[in-house]
């Protein structure tokens, strides 16, 4: 079973899908670079039901990026 993670900032989940540890760490670092100090990575026990959907969107529409 693969490990999956989600990211919380100030008590709010900020990921739309469960991510790899590398991706979760990158998201955490991004929020911390913006001054947030209450960022938590949580390990989850199952893959996101939307993980394949989001992966397809990122693959098929690479120009779509998260808004700053």
Protein backbone atom coordinates (compact mmCIF):
# COMPACT_ATOMS: atom_id res chain seq x y z
CA UNK A 1 0.00 0.00 0.00
CA UNK A 2 1.34 3.41 -0.92
CA UNK A 3 1.47 6.20 1.61
CA UNK A 4 -0.62 9.28 0.97
CA UNK A 5 -0.67 12.65 2.69
CA UNK A 6 -2.80 15.76 3.04
CA UNK A 7 -1.83 19.26 4.19
CA UNK A 8 -3.60 21.37 6.80
CA UNK A 9 -3.11 25.13 7.32
CA UNK A 10 -4.74 26.74 10.32
CA UNK A 11 -7.15 23.83 10.73
CA UNK A 12 -8.26 23.86 7.08
CA UNK A 13 -7.34 21.12 4.63
CA UNK A 14 -5.70 22.83 1.63
CA UNK A 15 -5.20 19.86 -0.70
CA UNK A 16 -7.86 18.70 -3.17
CA UNK A 17 -6.37 15.21 -3.29
CA UNK A 18 -4.10 12.98 -1.25
CA UNK A 19 -0.52 13.52 -2.33
CA UNK A 20 2.90 11.91 -2.13
CA UNK A 21 5.15 13.01 0.72
CA UNK A 22 7.27 15.04 -1.74
CA UNK A 23 4.21 16.93 -3.00
CA UNK A 24 2.84 17.46 0.50
CA UNK A 25 6.22 18.79 1.63
CA UNK A 26 6.36 21.19 -1.34
CA UNK A 27 2.87 22.48 -0.47
CA UNK A 28 3.89 22.86 3.19
CA UNK A 29 7.03 24.76 2.21
CA UNK A 30 5.01 27.06 -0.05
CA UNK A 31 2.65 28.03 2.77
CA UNK A 32 5.51 28.48 5.24
CA UNK A 33 7.32 30.75 2.77
CA UNK A 34 4.20 32.94 2.82
CA UNK A 35 4.43 33.28 6.60
CA UNK A 36 2.10 30.54 7.81
CA UNK A 37 3.48 28.72 10.86
CA UNK A 38 0.60 26.34 11.53
CA UNK A 39 1.12 23.95 8.60
CA UNK A 40 0.74 20.21 9.22
CA UNK A 41 1.26 17.21 6.96
CA UNK A 42 -1.06 14.33 7.85
CA UNK A 43 -0.50 10.75 6.69
CA UNK A 44 -3.72 9.10 5.49
CA UNK A 45 -4.38 5.40 5.14
CA UNK A 46 -6.12 5.29 1.80
CA UNK A 47 -5.76 6.94 -1.61
CA UNK A 48 -8.05 9.76 -2.58
CA UNK A 49 -11.01 8.69 -4.70
CA UNK A 50 -10.21 11.77 -6.81
CA UNK A 51 -6.48 11.14 -7.19
CA UNK A 52 -6.76 9.61 -10.67
CA UNK A 53 -9.09 12.39 -11.82
CA UNK A 54 -6.67 15.14 -10.69
CA UNK A 55 -3.68 13.30 -12.17
CA UNK A 56 -5.50 13.10 -15.53
CA UNK A 57 -6.34 16.81 -15.41
CA UNK A 58 -2.74 17.75 -14.64
CA UNK A 59 -1.52 15.48 -17.45
CA UNK A 60 -4.08 16.58 -20.06
CA UNK A 61 -4.15 20.29 -19.18
CA UNK A 62 -0.62 21.23 -18.07
CA UNK A 63 -1.33 24.96 -18.44
CA UNK A 64 -3.79 24.79 -15.55
CA UNK A 65 -1.98 25.87 -12.42
CA UNK A 66 -3.05 26.76 -8.92
CA UNK A 67 -3.86 30.44 -8.47
CA UNK A 68 -1.43 32.43 -6.32
